[in-house]
């Protein structure tokens, strides 16, 4: 990993010793997949199993914790931020934020990971074995497979999500493209990425 990833390494030092499996997600995961920093990133997103949320809360007890309460009608990006006291969250809540005194924020995304299987929180029929759900850099950073990252991003349709798709697509293997194609058909029928993947 080249020096352009130094800001990411610095941020990940804040979760050194976290006693549960975690996986880098979001745009940083796409950049690790393609092997270069392609854009500016405003935060670090880590996926953890929903079962581990209390452990993470206790491990980072010196941080200010918040949760994103989803909009009652499911509107994307319209949730509200509230203080989180570590009480276990159930679906549809899946985002918790940990801020330190210097303004470093880590966003944890709670994922349905259990018994060797990752399940999409939007559609439990969309799955992937945990042995395939992540890749690892030469220096040990685990990050979500690009097809899962892009499935998360497909719903949002932000400019940078489209850019991440364009950057990752040429690097993805046939199996990765095939999985994303079928997952999108299940979760987002008619999504414009389907034509590119097909």
C-alpha atoms as a PDB file:
ATOM      1  CA  UNK A   1       0.000   0.000   0.000  1.00  0.00           C
ATOM      2  CA  UNK A   2       1.506   3.328  -1.064  1.00  0.00           C
ATOM      3  CA  UNK A   3       1.903   6.500   0.991  1.00  0.00           C
ATOM      4  CA  UNK A   4      -1.356   7.998  -0.295  1.00  0.00           C
ATOM      5  CA  UNK A   5      -3.135   5.633   2.108  1.00  0.00           C
ATOM      6  CA  UNK A   6      -1.342   7.187   5.121  1.00  0.00           C
ATOM      7  CA  UNK A   7      -4.457   9.132   6.258  1.00  0.00           C
ATOM      8  CA  UNK A   8      -6.416   5.883   6.312  1.00  0.00           C
ATOM      9  CA  UNK A   9      -3.736   4.112   8.334  1.00  0.00           C
ATOM     10  CA  UNK A  10      -3.767   6.984  10.830  1.00  0.00           C
ATOM     11  CA  UNK A  11      -7.537   6.737  11.258  1.00  0.00           C
ATOM     12  CA  UNK A  12      -7.420   2.981  11.690  1.00  0.00           C
ATOM     13  CA  UNK A  13      -4.987   3.352  14.576  1.00  0.00           C
ATOM     14  CA  UNK A  14      -8.031   4.428  16.588  1.00  0.00           C
ATOM     15  CA  UNK A  15      -9.468   0.912  16.369  1.00  0.00           C
ATOM     16  CA  UNK A  16      -6.233  -0.951  17.047  1.00  0.00           C
ATOM     17  CA  UNK A  17      -6.966  -3.793  19.418  1.00  0.00           C
ATOM     18  CA  UNK A  18     -10.701  -3.838  18.758  1.00  0.00           C
ATOM     19  CA  UNK A  19     -11.600  -7.361  19.954  1.00  0.00           C
ATOM     20  CA  UNK A  20     -14.150  -8.164  17.235  1.00  0.00           C
ATOM     21  CA  UNK A  21     -13.808  -8.632  13.471  1.00  0.00           C
ATOM     22  CA  UNK A  22     -14.238  -5.410  11.516  1.00  0.00           C
ATOM     23  CA  UNK A  23     -14.152  -4.651   7.831  1.00  0.00           C
ATOM     24  CA  UNK A  24     -13.414  -1.356   6.132  1.00  0.00           C
ATOM     25  CA  UNK A  25     -16.341  -0.271   3.960  1.00  0.00           C
ATOM     26  CA  UNK A  26     -17.351   2.686   1.805  1.00  0.00           C
ATOM     27  CA  UNK A  27     -15.114   4.511  -0.612  1.00  0.00           C
ATOM     28  CA  UNK A  28     -11.917   3.581   1.203  1.00  0.00           C
ATOM     29  CA  UNK A  29     -12.705  -0.087   0.550  1.00  0.00           C
ATOM     30  CA  UNK A  30     -13.081   0.623  -3.161  1.00  0.00           C
ATOM     31  CA  UNK A  31      -9.749   2.453  -3.176  1.00  0.00           C
ATOM     32  CA  UNK A  32      -8.023  -0.475  -1.466  1.00  0.00           C
ATOM     33  CA  UNK A  33      -9.553  -2.801  -4.046  1.00  0.00           C
ATOM     34  CA  UNK A  34      -8.220  -0.812  -7.013  1.00  0.00           C
ATOM     35  CA  UNK A  35      -4.929  -0.092  -5.241  1.00  0.00           C
ATOM     36  CA  UNK A  36      -4.944   3.698  -5.324  1.00  0.00           C
ATOM     37  CA  UNK A  37      -6.662   6.658  -3.696  1.00  0.00           C
ATOM     38  CA  UNK A  38      -9.184   7.925  -6.222  1.00  0.00           C
ATOM     39  CA  UNK A  39     -10.956  10.698  -4.298  1.00  0.00           C
ATOM     40  CA  UNK A  40     -11.184  12.545  -1.014  1.00  0.00           C
ATOM     41  CA  UNK A  41     -12.916  10.705   1.833  1.00  0.00           C
ATOM     42  CA  UNK A  42     -14.778  12.491   4.605  1.00  0.00           C
ATOM     43  CA  UNK A  43     -14.904   9.611   7.101  1.00  0.00           C
ATOM     44  CA  UNK A  44     -14.055   5.993   7.811  1.00  0.00           C
ATOM     45  CA  UNK A  45     -16.807   3.384   7.690  1.00  0.00           C
ATOM     46  CA  UNK A  46     -16.324   0.040   9.413  1.00  0.00           C
ATOM     47  CA  UNK A  47     -18.697  -2.907   9.205  1.00  0.00           C
ATOM     48  CA  UNK A  48     -19.118  -5.059  12.297  1.00  0.00           C
ATOM     49  CA  UNK A  49     -21.511  -7.865  13.094  1.00  0.00           C
ATOM     50  CA  UNK A  50     -24.640  -6.631  14.839  1.00  0.00           C
ATOM     51  CA  UNK A  51     -23.897  -9.117  17.628  1.00  0.00           C
ATOM     52  CA  UNK A  52     -20.705  -7.198  18.469  1.00  0.00           C
ATOM     53  CA  UNK A  53     -22.122  -3.692  18.916  1.00  0.00           C
ATOM     54  CA  UNK A  54     -21.986  -3.744  22.724  1.00  0.00           C
ATOM     55  CA  UNK A  55     -18.364  -4.949  22.717  1.00  0.00           C
ATOM     56  CA  UNK A  56     -17.345  -2.095  20.421  1.00  0.00           C
ATOM     57  CA  UNK A  57     -19.198   0.412  22.594  1.00  0.00           C
ATOM     58  CA  UNK A  58     -17.365  -0.806  25.692  1.00  0.00           C
ATOM     59  CA  UNK A  59     -13.974  -0.918  23.949  1.00  0.00           C
ATOM     60  CA  UNK A  60     -14.304   2.731  22.888  1.00  0.00           C
ATOM     61  CA  UNK A  61     -16.023   3.878  26.079  1.00  0.00           C
ATOM     62  CA  UNK A  62     -14.126   7.182  26.122  1.00  0.00           C
ATOM     63  CA  UNK A  63     -15.858   8.333  22.933  1.00  0.00           C
ATOM     64  CA  UNK A  64     -19.118  10.180  22.449  1.00  0.00           C
ATOM     65  CA  UNK A  65     -21.550   7.768  20.852  1.00  0.00           C
ATOM     66  CA  UNK A  66     -24.476   8.526  18.586  1.00  0.00           C
ATOM     67  CA  UNK A  67     -26.937   6.514  16.551  1.00  0.00           C
ATOM     68  CA  UNK A  68     -28.746   7.359  13.356  1.00  0.00           C
ATOM     69  CA  UNK A  69     -32.454   6.785  13.768  1.00  0.00           C
ATOM     70  CA  UNK A  70     -33.855   5.852  10.352  1.00  0.00           C
ATOM     71  CA  UNK A  71     -36.616   7.980   8.869  1.00  0.00           C
ATOM     72  CA  UNK A  72     -39.993   6.344   9.664  1.00  0.00           C
ATOM     73  CA  UNK A  73     -40.814   6.175   5.962  1.00  0.00           C
ATOM     74  CA  UNK A  74     -37.404   4.771   5.056  1.00  0.00           C
ATOM     75  CA  UNK A  75     -36.234   7.913   3.260  1.00  0.00           C
ATOM     76  CA  UNK A  76     -32.513   7.675   2.523  1.00  0.00           C
ATOM     77  CA  UNK A  77     -30.357  10.276   4.249  1.00  0.00           C
ATOM     78  CA  UNK A  78     -33.293  11.650   6.255  1.00  0.00           C
ATOM     79  CA  UNK A  79     -32.660   9.954   9.589  1.00  0.00           C
ATOM     80  CA  UNK A  80     -31.910  11.818  12.799  1.00  0.00           C
ATOM     81  CA  UNK A  81     -28.838  11.635  15.013  1.00  0.00           C
ATOM     82  CA  UNK A  82     -29.387  10.860  18.692  1.00  0.00           C
ATOM     83  CA  UNK A  83     -27.117  10.012  21.620  1.00  0.00           C
ATOM     84  CA  UNK A  84     -26.571   6.245  21.923  1.00  0.00           C
ATOM     85  CA  UNK A  85     -26.060   4.647  25.338  1.00  0.00           C
ATOM     86  CA  UNK A  86     -25.000   1.229  24.108  1.00  0.00           C
ATOM     87  CA  UNK A  87     -28.470  -0.318  24.262  1.00  0.00           C
ATOM     88  CA  UNK A  88     -28.521  -3.014  21.539  1.00  0.00           C
ATOM     89  CA  UNK A  89     -30.002  -1.789  18.283  1.00  0.00           C
ATOM     90  CA  UNK A  90     -32.224  -3.862  16.033  1.00  0.00           C
ATOM     91  CA  UNK A  91     -33.147  -3.391  12.382  1.00  0.00           C
ATOM     92  CA  UNK A  92     -33.717  -1.022  10.745  1.00  0.00           C
ATOM     93  CA  UNK A  93     -31.212   0.928  12.880  1.00  0.00           C
ATOM     94  CA  UNK A  94     -27.726   0.075  11.622  1.00  0.00           C
ATOM     95  CA  UNK A  95     -25.465   3.120  11.976  1.00  0.00           C
ATOM     96  CA  UNK A  96     -23.578   4.176  15.095  1.00  0.00           C
ATOM     97  CA  UNK A  97     -21.029   6.975  15.327  1.00  0.00           C
ATOM     98  CA  UNK A  98     -18.050   7.204  17.674  1.00  0.00           C
ATOM     99  CA  UNK A  99     -16.476  10.657  18.100  1.00  0.00           C
ATOM    100  CA  UNK A 100     -13.312  11.359  20.062  1.00  0.00           C
ATOM    101  CA  UNK A 101     -12.359  14.659  21.688  1.00  0.00           C
ATOM    102  CA  UNK A 102     -10.318  15.694  18.632  1.00  0.00           C
ATOM    103  CA  UNK A 103     -13.166  15.359  16.176  1.00  0.00           C
ATOM    104  CA  UNK A 104     -12.202  11.977  14.758  1.00  0.00           C
ATOM    105  CA  UNK A 105     -15.370  10.131  13.810  1.00  0.00           C
ATOM    106  CA  UNK A 106     -15.655   6.454  13.035  1.00  0.00           C
ATOM    107  CA  UNK A 107     -18.927   5.235  11.628  1.00  0.00           C
ATOM    108  CA  UNK A 108     -19.816   1.639  12.411  1.00  0.00           C
ATOM    109  CA  UNK A 109     -22.318  -0.097  10.161  1.00  0.00           C
ATOM    110  CA  UNK A 110     -24.096  -2.971  11.863  1.00  0.00           C
ATOM    111  CA  UNK A 111     -24.328  -5.961   9.562  1.00  0.00           C
ATOM    112  CA  UNK A 112     -26.157  -9.239   9.814  1.00  0.00           C
ATOM    113  CA  UNK A 113     -23.180 -11.609  10.128  1.00  0.00           C
ATOM    114  CA  UNK A 114     -23.733 -14.922  11.863  1.00  0.00           C
ATOM    115  CA  UNK A 115     -22.955 -18.616  11.468  1.00  0.00           C
ATOM    116  CA  UNK A 116     -20.519 -18.057   8.625  1.00  0.00           C
ATOM    117  CA  UNK A 117     -22.887 -15.983   6.520  1.00  0.00           C
ATOM    118  CA  UNK A 118     -23.315 -12.306   5.692  1.00  0.00           C
ATOM    119  CA  UNK A 119     -26.918 -11.296   4.957  1.00  0.00           C
ATOM    120  CA  UNK A 120     -28.086  -8.059   3.418  1.00  0.00           C
ATOM    121  CA  UNK A 121     -30.047  -6.011   5.924  1.00  0.00           C
ATOM    122  CA  UNK A 122     -32.418  -4.976   3.143  1.00  0.00           C
ATOM    123  CA  UNK A 123     -33.105  -8.474   1.874  1.00  0.00           C
ATOM    124  CA  UNK A 124     -32.041 -11.507   3.952  1.00  0.00           C
ATOM    125  CA  UNK A 125     -32.188 -13.676   0.821  1.00  0.00           C
ATOM    126  CA  UNK A 126     -29.101 -11.848  -0.484  1.00  0.00           C
ATOM    127  CA  UNK A 127     -26.170 -13.584   1.197  1.00  0.00           C
ATOM    128  CA  UNK A 128     -22.475 -14.287   0.931  1.00  0.00           C
ATOM    129  CA  UNK A 129     -20.280 -16.691   2.941  1.00  0.00           C
ATOM    130  CA  UNK A 130     -18.110 -14.763   5.381  1.00  0.00           C
ATOM    131  CA  UNK A 131     -15.001 -16.371   3.885  1.00  0.00           C
ATOM    132  CA  UNK A 132     -15.757 -14.451   0.667  1.00  0.00           C
ATOM    133  CA  UNK A 133     -17.129 -11.216   2.063  1.00  0.00           C
ATOM    134  CA  UNK A 134     -13.791  -9.507   2.636  1.00  0.00           C
ATOM    135  CA  UNK A 135     -10.347  -9.079   1.133  1.00  0.00           C
ATOM    136  CA  UNK A 136      -7.128  -8.273   2.998  1.00  0.00           C
ATOM    137  CA  UNK A 137      -4.294  -5.927   2.061  1.00  0.00           C
ATOM    138  CA  UNK A 138      -0.667  -7.010   2.311  1.00  0.00           C
ATOM    139  CA  UNK A 139      -0.411  -5.206   5.656  1.00  0.00           C
ATOM    140  CA  UNK A 140      -3.520  -6.790   7.113  1.00  0.00           C
ATOM    141  CA  UNK A 141      -6.389  -4.342   6.567  1.00  0.00           C
ATOM    142  CA  UNK A 142      -9.619  -6.250   5.981  1.00  0.00           C
ATOM    143  CA  UNK A 143     -12.083  -4.581   3.666  1.00  0.00           C
ATOM    144  CA  UNK A 144     -15.454  -5.558   2.276  1.00  0.00           C
ATOM    145  CA  UNK A 145     -15.540  -7.147  -1.145  1.00  0.00           C
ATOM    146  CA  UNK A 146     -16.364  -4.475  -3.734  1.00  0.00           C
ATOM    147  CA  UNK A 147     -19.588  -6.172  -4.771  1.00  0.00           C
ATOM    148  CA  UNK A 148     -20.982  -5.786  -1.240  1.00  0.00           C
ATOM    149  CA  UNK A 149     -19.757  -2.193  -0.975  1.00  0.00           C
ATOM    150  CA  UNK A 150     -21.437  -1.340  -4.273  1.00  0.00           C
ATOM    151  CA  UNK A 151     -24.663  -3.050  -3.246  1.00  0.00           C
ATOM    152  CA  UNK A 152     -24.795  -0.724  -0.229  1.00  0.00           C
ATOM    153  CA  UNK A 153     -24.031   2.258  -2.461  1.00  0.00           C
ATOM    154  CA  UNK A 154     -26.554   1.355  -5.161  1.00  0.00           C
ATOM    155  CA  UNK A 155     -29.484   2.643  -3.114  1.00  0.00           C
ATOM    156  CA  UNK A 156     -27.888   6.018  -2.430  1.00  0.00           C
ATOM    157  CA  UNK A 157     -27.004   7.156  -5.964  1.00  0.00           C
ATOM    158  CA  UNK A 158     -24.728   9.953  -4.807  1.00  0.00           C
ATOM    159  CA  UNK A 159     -22.129  11.359  -7.193  1.00  0.00           C
ATOM    160  CA  UNK A 160     -19.284   9.635  -5.368  1.00  0.00           C
ATOM    161  CA  UNK A 161     -21.154   6.315  -5.316  1.00  0.00           C
ATOM    162  CA  UNK A 162     -21.453   6.457  -9.101  1.00  0.00           C
ATOM    163  CA  UNK A 163     -17.750   7.287  -9.319  1.00  0.00           C
ATOM    164  CA  UNK A 164     -16.883   4.326  -7.087  1.00  0.00           C
ATOM    165  CA  UNK A 165     -18.884   2.020  -9.354  1.00  0.00           C
ATOM    166  CA  UNK A 166     -17.110   3.295 -12.474  1.00  0.00           C
ATOM    167  CA  UNK A 167     -13.699   2.849 -10.846  1.00  0.00           C
ATOM    168  CA  UNK A 168     -14.344  -0.628  -9.426  1.00  0.00           C
ATOM    169  CA  UNK A 169     -16.190  -2.193 -12.362  1.00  0.00           C
ATOM    170  CA  UNK A 170     -13.178  -2.751 -14.671  1.00  0.00           C
ATOM    171  CA  UNK A 171     -11.255  -4.428 -11.837  1.00  0.00           C
ATOM    172  CA  UNK A 172     -14.016  -6.813 -10.784  1.00  0.00           C
ATOM    173  CA  UNK A 173     -13.924 -10.458 -11.787  1.00  0.00           C
ATOM    174  CA  UNK A 174     -16.756 -12.314 -13.473  1.00  0.00           C
ATOM    175  CA  UNK A 175     -17.922 -13.873 -10.214  1.00  0.00           C
ATOM    176  CA  UNK A 176     -18.003 -10.514  -8.456  1.00  0.00           C
ATOM    177  CA  UNK A 177     -19.982  -8.897 -11.259  1.00  0.00           C
ATOM    178  CA  UNK A 178     -22.385 -11.839 -11.382  1.00  0.00           C
ATOM    179  CA  UNK A 179     -23.053 -11.694  -7.642  1.00  0.00           C
ATOM    180  CA  UNK A 180     -23.677  -7.930  -7.764  1.00  0.00           C
ATOM    181  CA  UNK A 181     -25.969  -8.318 -10.793  1.00  0.00           C
ATOM    182  CA  UNK A 182     -28.194 -10.859  -9.044  1.00  0.00           C
ATOM    183  CA  UNK A 183     -28.130  -8.965  -5.728  1.00  0.00           C
ATOM    184  CA  UNK A 184     -29.227  -5.783  -7.500  1.00  0.00           C
ATOM    185  CA  UNK A 185     -32.010  -7.668  -9.258  1.00  0.00           C
ATOM    186  CA  UNK A 186     -33.270  -8.763  -5.831  1.00  0.00           C
ATOM    187  CA  UNK A 187     -32.929  -5.427  -4.046  1.00  0.00           C
ATOM    188  CA  UNK A 188     -33.203  -2.798  -6.777  1.00  0.00           C
ATOM    189  CA  UNK A 189     -34.967  -4.164  -9.873  1.00  0.00           C
ATOM    190  CA  UNK A 190     -34.342  -1.927 -12.865  1.00  0.00           C
ATOM    191  CA  UNK A 191     -31.266  -0.281 -11.351  1.00  0.00           C
ATOM    192  CA  UNK A 192     -29.189   1.425 -14.072  1.00  0.00           C
ATOM    193  CA  UNK A 193     -26.055  -0.483 -13.061  1.00  0.00           C
ATOM    194  CA  UNK A 194     -27.663  -3.730 -14.221  1.00  0.00           C
ATOM    195  CA  UNK A 195     -27.094  -2.898 -17.889  1.00  0.00           C
ATOM    196  CA  UNK A 196     -23.412  -2.259 -17.230  1.00  0.00           C
ATOM    197  CA  UNK A 197     -23.034  -5.490 -15.298  1.00  0.00           C
ATOM    198  CA  UNK A 198     -25.009  -7.605 -17.777  1.00  0.00           C
END
